[in-house]
């Protein structure tokens, strides 16, 4: 049984190091997942890969069927998820191409299907969300980064916005006052849904750009793509070591 899954975000629609064994289309009570579930071998272990935005990248953050994605992974027997996300950097340490392993999250999104517990089949259940990210998975990711000699931030607070637009300067100033180090668009409800189904969940945040107002001029896609290339290359090396450790 496969127990580990990797969810890839912007800049990671496929894992080049993954030796593909099979692809599966699944149906769920919540509709269609973002893409096929790709089972393969990484670091001599079996993992499942899912492209969060589809492959090719076509699904906007607020349109992702998070419930179908997480439910489908549960159907496949997944017990652990590493979620990779491209984010913006807010605080000084979160510079472009840097990697952070968040330990907290604040949800600013709205209108998303954010729980499984809402009808007679799954009555209201209040999960504990004090620690959104699984501590053991986080510590293993941090250890893998050390082995790979990749500098990371071992703690950060991720602020999840609605998207697909980027944020205003005032919104980022507010988020920084709230304690956010990173800004992204896909961290919720993904983390909470995994928690609801008892799946251990942790995230690797790859900083693609400075958030609005943190640098002069506009944020350009060319800069984002350049930073993601560097960050995702380091992330892929970190992942290979992580998979060998778990």
C-alpha atoms as a PDB file:
ATOM      1  CA  UNK A   1       0.000   0.000   0.000  1.00  0.00           C
ATOM      2  CA  UNK A   2       1.263   3.449  -0.925  1.00  0.00           C
ATOM      3  CA  UNK A   3       1.420   5.743   2.089  1.00  0.00           C
ATOM      4  CA  UNK A   4       3.218   8.881   0.849  1.00  0.00           C
ATOM      5  CA  UNK A   5       1.889  11.456  -1.610  1.00  0.00           C
ATOM      6  CA  UNK A   6       3.402  14.612  -3.057  1.00  0.00           C
ATOM      7  CA  UNK A   7       1.111  17.390  -4.235  1.00  0.00           C
ATOM      8  CA  UNK A   8       2.782  19.737  -6.686  1.00  0.00           C
ATOM      9  CA  UNK A   9       1.775  23.360  -7.162  1.00  0.00           C
ATOM     10  CA  UNK A  10       2.849  26.094  -9.561  1.00  0.00           C
ATOM     11  CA  UNK A  11       6.197  25.140 -11.089  1.00  0.00           C
ATOM     12  CA  UNK A  12       5.763  21.455 -10.269  1.00  0.00           C
ATOM     13  CA  UNK A  13       3.278  19.732 -12.567  1.00  0.00           C
ATOM     14  CA  UNK A  14       5.423  16.608 -12.709  1.00  0.00           C
ATOM     15  CA  UNK A  15       8.321  14.997 -10.854  1.00  0.00           C
ATOM     16  CA  UNK A  16      11.112  14.309 -13.320  1.00  0.00           C
ATOM     17  CA  UNK A  17      12.864  11.911 -10.939  1.00  0.00           C
ATOM     18  CA  UNK A  18       9.722   9.814 -10.497  1.00  0.00           C
ATOM     19  CA  UNK A  19       9.849   6.419 -12.237  1.00  0.00           C
ATOM     20  CA  UNK A  20       6.207   6.102 -13.229  1.00  0.00           C
ATOM     21  CA  UNK A  21       4.469   2.807 -12.502  1.00  0.00           C
ATOM     22  CA  UNK A  22       0.860   3.730 -13.311  1.00  0.00           C
ATOM     23  CA  UNK A  23      -1.628   6.544 -13.753  1.00  0.00           C
ATOM     24  CA  UNK A  24      -5.127   6.408 -12.310  1.00  0.00           C
ATOM     25  CA  UNK A  25      -8.263   8.433 -12.869  1.00  0.00           C
ATOM     26  CA  UNK A  26     -10.525   8.354  -9.819  1.00  0.00           C
ATOM     27  CA  UNK A  27     -14.082   9.401  -9.175  1.00  0.00           C
ATOM     28  CA  UNK A  28     -14.978  10.708  -5.735  1.00  0.00           C
ATOM     29  CA  UNK A  29     -18.198  11.744  -3.979  1.00  0.00           C
ATOM     30  CA  UNK A  30     -16.944  15.315  -4.395  1.00  0.00           C
ATOM     31  CA  UNK A  31     -16.329  15.283  -8.124  1.00  0.00           C
ATOM     32  CA  UNK A  32     -13.196  15.027 -10.221  1.00  0.00           C
ATOM     33  CA  UNK A  33      -9.688  15.552  -8.808  1.00  0.00           C
ATOM     34  CA  UNK A  34      -7.312  18.012 -10.462  1.00  0.00           C
ATOM     35  CA  UNK A  35      -5.456  15.371 -12.506  1.00  0.00           C
ATOM     36  CA  UNK A  36      -4.554  11.702 -12.735  1.00  0.00           C
ATOM     37  CA  UNK A  37      -2.900  10.202  -9.676  1.00  0.00           C
ATOM     38  CA  UNK A  38       0.568   9.127 -10.769  1.00  0.00           C
ATOM     39  CA  UNK A  39       2.117   6.288  -8.785  1.00  0.00           C
ATOM     40  CA  UNK A  40       5.844   5.835  -9.144  1.00  0.00           C
ATOM     41  CA  UNK A  41       9.155   5.187  -7.481  1.00  0.00           C
ATOM     42  CA  UNK A  42      11.324   7.877  -5.919  1.00  0.00           C
ATOM     43  CA  UNK A  43      14.439   7.076  -3.886  1.00  0.00           C
ATOM     44  CA  UNK A  44      13.461   3.391  -4.174  1.00  0.00           C
ATOM     45  CA  UNK A  45      10.114   4.000  -2.469  1.00  0.00           C
ATOM     46  CA  UNK A  46       6.608   4.130  -3.889  1.00  0.00           C
ATOM     47  CA  UNK A  47       4.870   7.497  -3.852  1.00  0.00           C
ATOM     48  CA  UNK A  48       1.804   9.084  -5.435  1.00  0.00           C
ATOM     49  CA  UNK A  49       2.078  12.407  -7.244  1.00  0.00           C
ATOM     50  CA  UNK A  50      -0.795  14.795  -7.949  1.00  0.00           C
ATOM     51  CA  UNK A  51      -0.594  18.075  -9.878  1.00  0.00           C
ATOM     52  CA  UNK A  52      -2.756  20.451  -7.808  1.00  0.00           C
ATOM     53  CA  UNK A  53      -3.511  22.820 -10.705  1.00  0.00           C
ATOM     54  CA  UNK A  54      -3.819  20.055 -13.294  1.00  0.00           C
ATOM     55  CA  UNK A  55      -1.297  19.026 -15.917  1.00  0.00           C
ATOM     56  CA  UNK A  56      -0.930  21.259 -17.812  1.00  0.00           C
ATOM     57  CA  UNK A  57      -1.428  24.019 -15.225  1.00  0.00           C
ATOM     58  CA  UNK A  58      -5.000  25.219 -15.939  1.00  0.00           C
ATOM     59  CA  UNK A  59      -6.944  25.313 -12.640  1.00  0.00           C
ATOM     60  CA  UNK A  60      -6.992  28.580 -10.677  1.00  0.00           C
ATOM     61  CA  UNK A  61      -6.389  28.352  -6.911  1.00  0.00           C
ATOM     62  CA  UNK A  62     -10.010  29.109  -5.958  1.00  0.00           C
ATOM     63  CA  UNK A  63     -11.319  26.559  -8.487  1.00  0.00           C
ATOM     64  CA  UNK A  64      -9.244  23.582  -7.296  1.00  0.00           C
ATOM     65  CA  UNK A  65     -11.412  20.719  -6.066  1.00  0.00           C
ATOM     66  CA  UNK A  66      -9.492  20.297  -2.819  1.00  0.00           C
ATOM     67  CA  UNK A  67     -11.992  17.821  -1.381  1.00  0.00           C
ATOM     68  CA  UNK A  68     -11.776  15.507  -4.402  1.00  0.00           C
ATOM     69  CA  UNK A  69      -7.968  15.674  -4.348  1.00  0.00           C
ATOM     70  CA  UNK A  70      -7.637  14.752  -0.674  1.00  0.00           C
ATOM     71  CA  UNK A  71     -10.424  12.172  -0.808  1.00  0.00           C
ATOM     72  CA  UNK A  72      -8.797  10.517  -3.821  1.00  0.00           C
ATOM     73  CA  UNK A  73      -5.477  10.271  -2.005  1.00  0.00           C
ATOM     74  CA  UNK A  74      -7.234   8.695   0.965  1.00  0.00           C
ATOM     75  CA  UNK A  75      -8.861   6.179  -1.395  1.00  0.00           C
ATOM     76  CA  UNK A  76      -5.390   5.187  -2.565  1.00  0.00           C
ATOM     77  CA  UNK A  77      -4.276   4.478   0.996  1.00  0.00           C
ATOM     78  CA  UNK A  78      -2.170   7.601   1.398  1.00  0.00           C
ATOM     79  CA  UNK A  79      -1.259   8.329   5.015  1.00  0.00           C
ATOM     80  CA  UNK A  80       1.237  11.177   4.536  1.00  0.00           C
ATOM     81  CA  UNK A  81       1.220  14.201   2.214  1.00  0.00           C
ATOM     82  CA  UNK A  82       3.997  16.612   1.340  1.00  0.00           C
ATOM     83  CA  UNK A  83       2.466  19.645  -0.338  1.00  0.00           C
ATOM     84  CA  UNK A  84       4.753  21.798  -2.483  1.00  0.00           C
ATOM     85  CA  UNK A  85       3.671  25.378  -3.091  1.00  0.00           C
ATOM     86  CA  UNK A  86       5.051  28.474  -4.789  1.00  0.00           C
ATOM     87  CA  UNK A  87       4.593  31.496  -2.524  1.00  0.00           C
ATOM     88  CA  UNK A  88       5.490  35.142  -2.044  1.00  0.00           C
ATOM     89  CA  UNK A  89       7.939  36.291   0.611  1.00  0.00           C
ATOM     90  CA  UNK A  90       6.823  38.849   3.188  1.00  0.00           C
ATOM     91  CA  UNK A  91       9.406  38.971   5.984  1.00  0.00           C
ATOM     92  CA  UNK A  92      13.119  39.651   5.296  1.00  0.00           C
ATOM     93  CA  UNK A  93      14.313  36.028   5.514  1.00  0.00           C
ATOM     94  CA  UNK A  94      11.801  34.903   2.870  1.00  0.00           C
ATOM     95  CA  UNK A  95      13.741  36.020  -0.194  1.00  0.00           C
ATOM     96  CA  UNK A  96      13.060  34.756  -3.731  1.00  0.00           C
ATOM     97  CA  UNK A  97      14.278  31.192  -4.487  1.00  0.00           C
ATOM     98  CA  UNK A  98      14.459  30.459  -0.727  1.00  0.00           C
ATOM     99  CA  UNK A  99      12.628  27.472   0.812  1.00  0.00           C
ATOM    100  CA  UNK A 100      10.568  27.497   4.005  1.00  0.00           C
ATOM    101  CA  UNK A 101       8.902  24.700   5.959  1.00  0.00           C
ATOM    102  CA  UNK A 102       5.844  26.433   7.466  1.00  0.00           C
ATOM    103  CA  UNK A 103       4.616  25.546  10.941  1.00  0.00           C
ATOM    104  CA  UNK A 104       1.498  27.753  11.063  1.00  0.00           C
ATOM    105  CA  UNK A 105      -1.173  29.043   8.694  1.00  0.00           C
ATOM    106  CA  UNK A 106      -3.763  31.845   8.571  1.00  0.00           C
ATOM    107  CA  UNK A 107      -6.690  31.454   6.180  1.00  0.00           C
ATOM    108  CA  UNK A 108      -7.853  34.560   4.285  1.00  0.00           C
ATOM    109  CA  UNK A 109      -9.609  32.612   1.531  1.00  0.00           C
ATOM    110  CA  UNK A 110     -13.393  32.481   1.138  1.00  0.00           C
ATOM    111  CA  UNK A 111     -16.132  30.588  -0.676  1.00  0.00           C
ATOM    112  CA  UNK A 112     -14.181  27.337  -0.927  1.00  0.00           C
ATOM    113  CA  UNK A 113     -15.578  23.913  -0.061  1.00  0.00           C
ATOM    114  CA  UNK A 114     -13.491  23.593   3.071  1.00  0.00           C
ATOM    115  CA  UNK A 115     -14.800  20.593   5.034  1.00  0.00           C
ATOM    116  CA  UNK A 116     -16.051  17.031   4.694  1.00  0.00           C
ATOM    117  CA  UNK A 117     -18.175  17.422   7.817  1.00  0.00           C
ATOM    118  CA  UNK A 118     -21.338  19.126   6.597  1.00  0.00           C
ATOM    119  CA  UNK A 119     -24.166  16.613   6.090  1.00  0.00           C
ATOM    120  CA  UNK A 120     -25.864  13.592   7.626  1.00  0.00           C
ATOM    121  CA  UNK A 121     -23.227  11.208   6.279  1.00  0.00           C
ATOM    122  CA  UNK A 122     -20.421  13.210   7.887  1.00  0.00           C
ATOM    123  CA  UNK A 123     -21.903  15.182  10.786  1.00  0.00           C
ATOM    124  CA  UNK A 124     -20.228  18.294  12.143  1.00  0.00           C
ATOM    125  CA  UNK A 125     -16.868  17.466  13.735  1.00  0.00           C
ATOM    126  CA  UNK A 126     -14.537  20.074  15.207  1.00  0.00           C
ATOM    127  CA  UNK A 127     -10.981  18.924  14.488  1.00  0.00           C
ATOM    128  CA  UNK A 128      -8.065  20.265  16.499  1.00  0.00           C
ATOM    129  CA  UNK A 129      -6.036  22.535  14.217  1.00  0.00           C
ATOM    130  CA  UNK A 130      -3.585  23.967  16.743  1.00  0.00           C
ATOM    131  CA  UNK A 131      -0.694  22.551  14.725  1.00  0.00           C
ATOM    132  CA  UNK A 132      -1.751  22.426  11.054  1.00  0.00           C
ATOM    133  CA  UNK A 133       1.444  20.705   9.887  1.00  0.00           C
ATOM    134  CA  UNK A 134       2.564  17.326  11.213  1.00  0.00           C
ATOM    135  CA  UNK A 135       5.607  17.813  13.490  1.00  0.00           C
ATOM    136  CA  UNK A 136       7.384  14.577  12.554  1.00  0.00           C
ATOM    137  CA  UNK A 137       7.059  15.223   8.822  1.00  0.00           C
ATOM    138  CA  UNK A 138       8.309  18.764   9.355  1.00  0.00           C
ATOM    139  CA  UNK A 139      11.326  17.595  11.335  1.00  0.00           C
ATOM    140  CA  UNK A 140      12.163  15.037   8.642  1.00  0.00           C
ATOM    141  CA  UNK A 141      11.969  17.713   5.935  1.00  0.00           C
ATOM    142  CA  UNK A 142      14.302  19.911   7.980  1.00  0.00           C
ATOM    143  CA  UNK A 143      16.734  16.998   8.416  1.00  0.00           C
ATOM    144  CA  UNK A 144      16.615  16.278   4.674  1.00  0.00           C
ATOM    145  CA  UNK A 145      17.476  19.902   3.895  1.00  0.00           C
ATOM    146  CA  UNK A 146      20.456  19.693   6.231  1.00  0.00           C
ATOM    147  CA  UNK A 147      21.684  16.518   4.513  1.00  0.00           C
ATOM    148  CA  UNK A 148      21.306  18.204   1.123  1.00  0.00           C
ATOM    149  CA  UNK A 149      23.131  21.308   2.411  1.00  0.00           C
ATOM    150  CA  UNK A 150      20.169  23.445   1.366  1.00  0.00           C
ATOM    151  CA  UNK A 151      19.526  26.546   3.448  1.00  0.00           C
ATOM    152  CA  UNK A 152      15.887  26.734   4.547  1.00  0.00           C
ATOM    153  CA  UNK A 153      13.705  28.508   7.089  1.00  0.00           C
ATOM    154  CA  UNK A 154      12.513  25.779   9.495  1.00  0.00           C
ATOM    155  CA  UNK A 155       9.539  27.846  10.684  1.00  0.00           C
ATOM    156  CA  UNK A 156       7.152  30.264   8.976  1.00  0.00           C
ATOM    157  CA  UNK A 157       3.525  31.330   9.023  1.00  0.00           C
ATOM    158  CA  UNK A 158       1.748  30.889   5.695  1.00  0.00           C
ATOM    159  CA  UNK A 159      -1.100  33.280   4.847  1.00  0.00           C
ATOM    160  CA  UNK A 160      -3.579  31.819   2.338  1.00  0.00           C
ATOM    161  CA  UNK A 161      -5.320  34.341   0.084  1.00  0.00           C
ATOM    162  CA  UNK A 162      -8.046  33.794  -2.491  1.00  0.00           C
ATOM    163  CA  UNK A 163      -6.276  34.548  -5.771  1.00  0.00           C
ATOM    164  CA  UNK A 164      -5.819  34.282  -8.632  1.00  0.00           C
ATOM    165  CA  UNK A 165      -4.761  37.934  -8.493  1.00  0.00           C
ATOM    166  CA  UNK A 166      -1.734  38.896  -6.455  1.00  0.00           C
ATOM    167  CA  UNK A 167      -2.235  40.993  -3.338  1.00  0.00           C
ATOM    168  CA  UNK A 168      -2.189  44.759  -2.849  1.00  0.00           C
ATOM    169  CA  UNK A 169       0.537  46.416  -0.815  1.00  0.00           C
ATOM    170  CA  UNK A 170      -1.973  47.209   1.932  1.00  0.00           C
ATOM    171  CA  UNK A 171      -3.093  43.577   2.098  1.00  0.00           C
ATOM    172  CA  UNK A 172       0.506  42.427   2.530  1.00  0.00           C
ATOM    173  CA  UNK A 173       1.078  45.054   5.220  1.00  0.00           C
ATOM    174  CA  UNK A 174      -1.970  43.733   7.046  1.00  0.00           C
ATOM    175  CA  UNK A 175      -0.770  40.136   6.702  1.00  0.00           C
ATOM    176  CA  UNK A 176       2.651  41.037   8.053  1.00  0.00           C
ATOM    177  CA  UNK A 177       1.015  42.668  11.073  1.00  0.00           C
ATOM    178  CA  UNK A 178      -0.972  39.460  11.535  1.00  0.00           C
ATOM    179  CA  UNK A 179       2.293  37.510  11.694  1.00  0.00           C
ATOM    180  CA  UNK A 180       2.501  36.052   8.184  1.00  0.00           C
ATOM    181  CA  UNK A 181       5.917  35.333   6.681  1.00  0.00           C
ATOM    182  CA  UNK A 182       4.615  33.880   3.415  1.00  0.00           C
ATOM    183  CA  UNK A 183       1.646  34.459   1.149  1.00  0.00           C
ATOM    184  CA  UNK A 184       0.150  31.749  -1.046  1.00  0.00           C
ATOM    185  CA  UNK A 185      -3.192  30.741  -2.520  1.00  0.00           C
ATOM    186  CA  UNK A 186      -3.495  26.980  -2.043  1.00  0.00           C
ATOM    187  CA  UNK A 187      -2.566  26.149   1.547  1.00  0.00           C
ATOM    188  CA  UNK A 188      -6.204  26.083   2.641  1.00  0.00           C
ATOM    189  CA  UNK A 189      -8.467  24.203   2.791  1.00  0.00           C
ATOM    190  CA  UNK A 190      -5.974  21.534   1.731  1.00  0.00           C
ATOM    191  CA  UNK A 191      -4.232  21.310   5.115  1.00  0.00           C
ATOM    192  CA  UNK A 192      -7.494  21.152   7.072  1.00  0.00           C
ATOM    193  CA  UNK A 193      -9.069  18.549   4.776  1.00  0.00           C
ATOM    194  CA  UNK A 194      -6.062  16.274   5.220  1.00  0.00           C
ATOM    195  CA  UNK A 195      -6.401  16.700   8.979  1.00  0.00           C
ATOM    196  CA  UNK A 196     -10.089  15.804   8.816  1.00  0.00           C
ATOM    197  CA  UNK A 197      -9.251  12.490   7.126  1.00  0.00           C
ATOM    198  CA  UNK A 198      -6.387  11.702   9.503  1.00  0.00           C
ATOM    199  CA  UNK A 199      -3.650  12.166   6.889  1.00  0.00           C
ATOM    200  CA  UNK A 200      -0.328  13.548   8.120  1.00  0.00           C
ATOM    201  CA  UNK A 201       0.425  16.727   6.181  1.00  0.00           C
ATOM    202  CA  UNK A 202       3.397  19.068   5.805  1.00  0.00           C
ATOM    203  CA  UNK A 203       4.393  21.678   3.258  1.00  0.00           C
ATOM    204  CA  UNK A 204       7.439  22.878   1.364  1.00  0.00           C
ATOM    205  CA  UNK A 205       7.062  26.525   0.388  1.00  0.00           C
ATOM    206  CA  UNK A 206       9.269  27.742  -2.468  1.00  0.00           C
ATOM    207  CA  UNK A 207       9.443  31.540  -2.555  1.00  0.00           C
ATOM    208  CA  UNK A 208       8.877  32.768  -6.097  1.00  0.00           C
ATOM    209  CA  UNK A 209       8.880  36.523  -5.497  1.00  0.00           C
ATOM    210  CA  UNK A 210       8.761  39.268  -2.925  1.00  0.00           C
ATOM    211  CA  UNK A 211       5.178  40.066  -1.947  1.00  0.00           C
ATOM    212  CA  UNK A 212       3.572  43.329  -3.036  1.00  0.00           C
ATOM    213  CA  UNK A 213       5.310  46.416  -1.720  1.00  0.00           C
ATOM    214  CA  UNK A 214       8.420  44.533  -0.587  1.00  0.00           C
ATOM    215  CA  UNK A 215      10.460  45.563  -3.609  1.00  0.00           C
ATOM    216  CA  UNK A 216      10.451  48.409  -6.110  1.00  0.00           C
ATOM    217  CA  UNK A 217       8.499  47.953  -9.316  1.00  0.00           C
ATOM    218  CA  UNK A 218       5.956  45.381 -10.413  1.00  0.00           C
ATOM    219  CA  UNK A 219       6.129  41.635  -9.900  1.00  0.00           C
ATOM    220  CA  UNK A 220       6.814  40.017 -13.291  1.00  0.00           C
ATOM    221  CA  UNK A 221       6.256  36.458 -14.473  1.00  0.00           C
ATOM    222  CA  UNK A 222       9.815  36.386 -15.831  1.00  0.00           C
ATOM    223  CA  UNK A 223      11.220  36.994 -12.352  1.00  0.00           C
ATOM    224  CA  UNK A 224       8.854  34.433 -10.829  1.00  0.00           C
ATOM    225  CA  UNK A 225       9.856  31.767 -13.354  1.00  0.00           C
ATOM    226  CA  UNK A 226      13.568  32.434 -12.776  1.00  0.00           C
ATOM    227  CA  UNK A 227      13.238  32.155  -9.005  1.00  0.00           C
ATOM    228  CA  UNK A 228      11.058  29.063  -9.235  1.00  0.00           C
ATOM    229  CA  UNK A 229      13.634  27.312 -11.411  1.00  0.00           C
ATOM    230  CA  UNK A 230      16.265  27.732  -8.702  1.00  0.00           C
ATOM    231  CA  UNK A 231      13.935  26.979  -5.809  1.00  0.00           C
ATOM    232  CA  UNK A 232      12.291  23.953  -7.390  1.00  0.00           C
ATOM    233  CA  UNK A 233      15.677  22.452  -8.281  1.00  0.00           C
ATOM    234  CA  UNK A 234      16.671  22.604  -4.605  1.00  0.00           C
ATOM    235  CA  UNK A 235      13.235  21.371  -3.557  1.00  0.00           C
ATOM    236  CA  UNK A 236      13.540  18.301  -5.802  1.00  0.00           C
ATOM    237  CA  UNK A 237      16.862  17.374  -4.177  1.00  0.00           C
ATOM    238  CA  UNK A 238      15.368  17.895  -0.726  1.00  0.00           C
ATOM    239  CA  UNK A 239      12.400  15.664  -1.637  1.00  0.00           C
ATOM    240  CA  UNK A 240      14.594  12.797  -2.815  1.00  0.00           C
ATOM    241  CA  UNK A 241      16.432  12.748   0.508  1.00  0.00           C
ATOM    242  CA  UNK A 242      13.193  13.162   2.474  1.00  0.00           C
ATOM    243  CA  UNK A 243      11.598  10.157   0.770  1.00  0.00           C
ATOM    244  CA  UNK A 244      14.644   8.057   1.595  1.00  0.00           C
ATOM    245  CA  UNK A 245      14.331   9.066   5.263  1.00  0.00           C
ATOM    246  CA  UNK A 246      10.636   8.398   5.875  1.00  0.00           C
END
